[in-house]
């Protein structure tokens, strides 16, 4: 299934390794280094226009999204349930 990350960016939900809240990462020096490394390697895509609420980690790219981690998690869960025929609303 597809997951919309914001700013017209869509990825396959199976490619998502983690969806993290940006505020949790701001407190960590290790996380800041991680994001800086990917920015330098040009594998960081900022979809938020410097208003990131979440970080989506895939095996190839790190995305900064203007959507909250809880919104993305809900979207991913809803689509997974529909894909597997569970709890169709």
Protein backbone atom coordinates (compact mmCIF):
# COMPACT_ATOMS: atom_id res chain seq x y z
CA UNK A 1 0.00 0.00 0.00
CA UNK A 2 1.02 3.59 -0.47
CA UNK A 3 1.66 6.11 2.29
CA UNK A 4 1.35 9.85 1.65
CA UNK A 5 4.07 11.74 3.57
CA UNK A 6 3.11 15.28 2.59
CA UNK A 7 4.18 17.64 -0.19
CA UNK A 8 2.94 15.21 -2.85
CA UNK A 9 5.43 12.51 -1.73
CA UNK A 10 4.12 8.95 -1.66
CA UNK A 11 6.06 5.81 -0.75
CA UNK A 12 5.25 2.14 -0.33
CA UNK A 13 4.34 1.44 3.30
CA UNK A 14 6.40 -1.77 3.15
CA UNK A 15 9.53 0.39 2.71
CA UNK A 16 9.01 2.20 6.03
CA UNK A 17 11.42 1.10 8.74
CA UNK A 18 10.36 3.67 11.36
CA UNK A 19 8.14 6.68 11.90
CA UNK A 20 9.46 8.90 14.69
CA UNK A 21 8.29 12.09 16.37
CA UNK A 22 10.71 14.92 15.59
CA UNK A 23 10.55 16.25 19.17
CA UNK A 24 11.93 12.98 20.50
CA UNK A 25 14.87 13.27 18.12
CA UNK A 26 15.66 16.91 18.88
CA UNK A 27 16.77 15.96 22.40
CA UNK A 28 19.28 13.38 21.17
CA UNK A 29 22.76 14.34 19.98
CA UNK A 30 23.06 10.95 18.27
CA UNK A 31 19.83 11.58 16.33
CA UNK A 32 21.05 15.04 15.29
CA UNK A 33 24.27 13.47 13.98
CA UNK A 34 22.25 10.80 12.16
CA UNK A 35 20.12 13.43 10.40
CA UNK A 36 23.15 15.61 9.60
CA UNK A 37 24.98 12.61 8.09
CA UNK A 38 22.04 11.86 5.81
CA UNK A 39 21.72 15.53 4.88
CA UNK A 40 25.41 15.58 3.88
CA UNK A 41 24.98 12.33 1.92
CA UNK A 42 21.92 13.83 0.19
CA UNK A 43 19.70 11.02 1.44
CA UNK A 44 17.57 13.36 3.56
CA UNK A 45 14.43 14.77 1.96
CA UNK A 46 12.72 17.64 3.76
CA UNK A 47 9.06 17.70 2.76
CA UNK A 48 8.15 20.03 5.59
CA UNK A 49 9.70 23.37 4.64
CA UNK A 50 11.48 23.50 8.01
CA UNK A 51 8.27 22.66 9.93
CA UNK A 52 8.90 18.94 10.43
CA UNK A 53 6.72 17.01 12.85
CA UNK A 54 8.01 13.53 12.06
CA UNK A 55 10.89 11.57 10.58
CA UNK A 56 10.25 8.60 8.31
CA UNK A 57 13.15 6.21 7.87
CA UNK A 58 13.39 3.91 4.86
CA UNK A 59 16.36 1.86 3.73
CA UNK A 60 17.27 4.46 1.09
CA UNK A 61 15.98 7.83 2.28
CA UNK A 62 15.15 9.74 5.44
CA UNK A 63 12.09 11.99 5.10
CA UNK A 64 11.13 14.97 7.25
CA UNK A 65 7.35 15.27 7.10
CA UNK A 66 4.97 18.08 8.07
CA UNK A 67 2.52 15.40 9.22
CA UNK A 68 2.64 14.10 12.77
CA UNK A 69 3.94 10.62 13.54
CA UNK A 70 0.52 9.65 14.93
CA UNK A 71 -1.22 10.75 11.72
CA UNK A 72 1.20 8.76 9.58
CA UNK A 73 0.90 5.73 11.85
CA UNK A 74 -2.89 5.89 11.61
CA UNK A 75 -2.78 6.19 7.82
CA UNK A 76 -0.39 3.24 7.56
CA UNK A 77 -2.51 1.14 9.93
CA UNK A 78 -5.77 1.94 8.15
CA UNK A 79 -4.33 1.00 4.80
CA UNK A 80 -2.79 -2.20 6.14
CA UNK A 81 -6.13 -3.20 7.63
CA UNK A 82 -7.87 -2.54 4.31
CA UNK A 83 -5.20 -4.44 2.40
CA UNK A 84 -5.65 -7.49 4.63
CA UNK A 85 -9.43 -7.18 4.85
CA UNK A 86 -9.47 -6.31 8.55
CA UNK A 87 -11.81 -3.86 10.22
CA UNK A 88 -13.13 -2.25 7.09
CA UNK A 89 -14.82 0.95 8.28
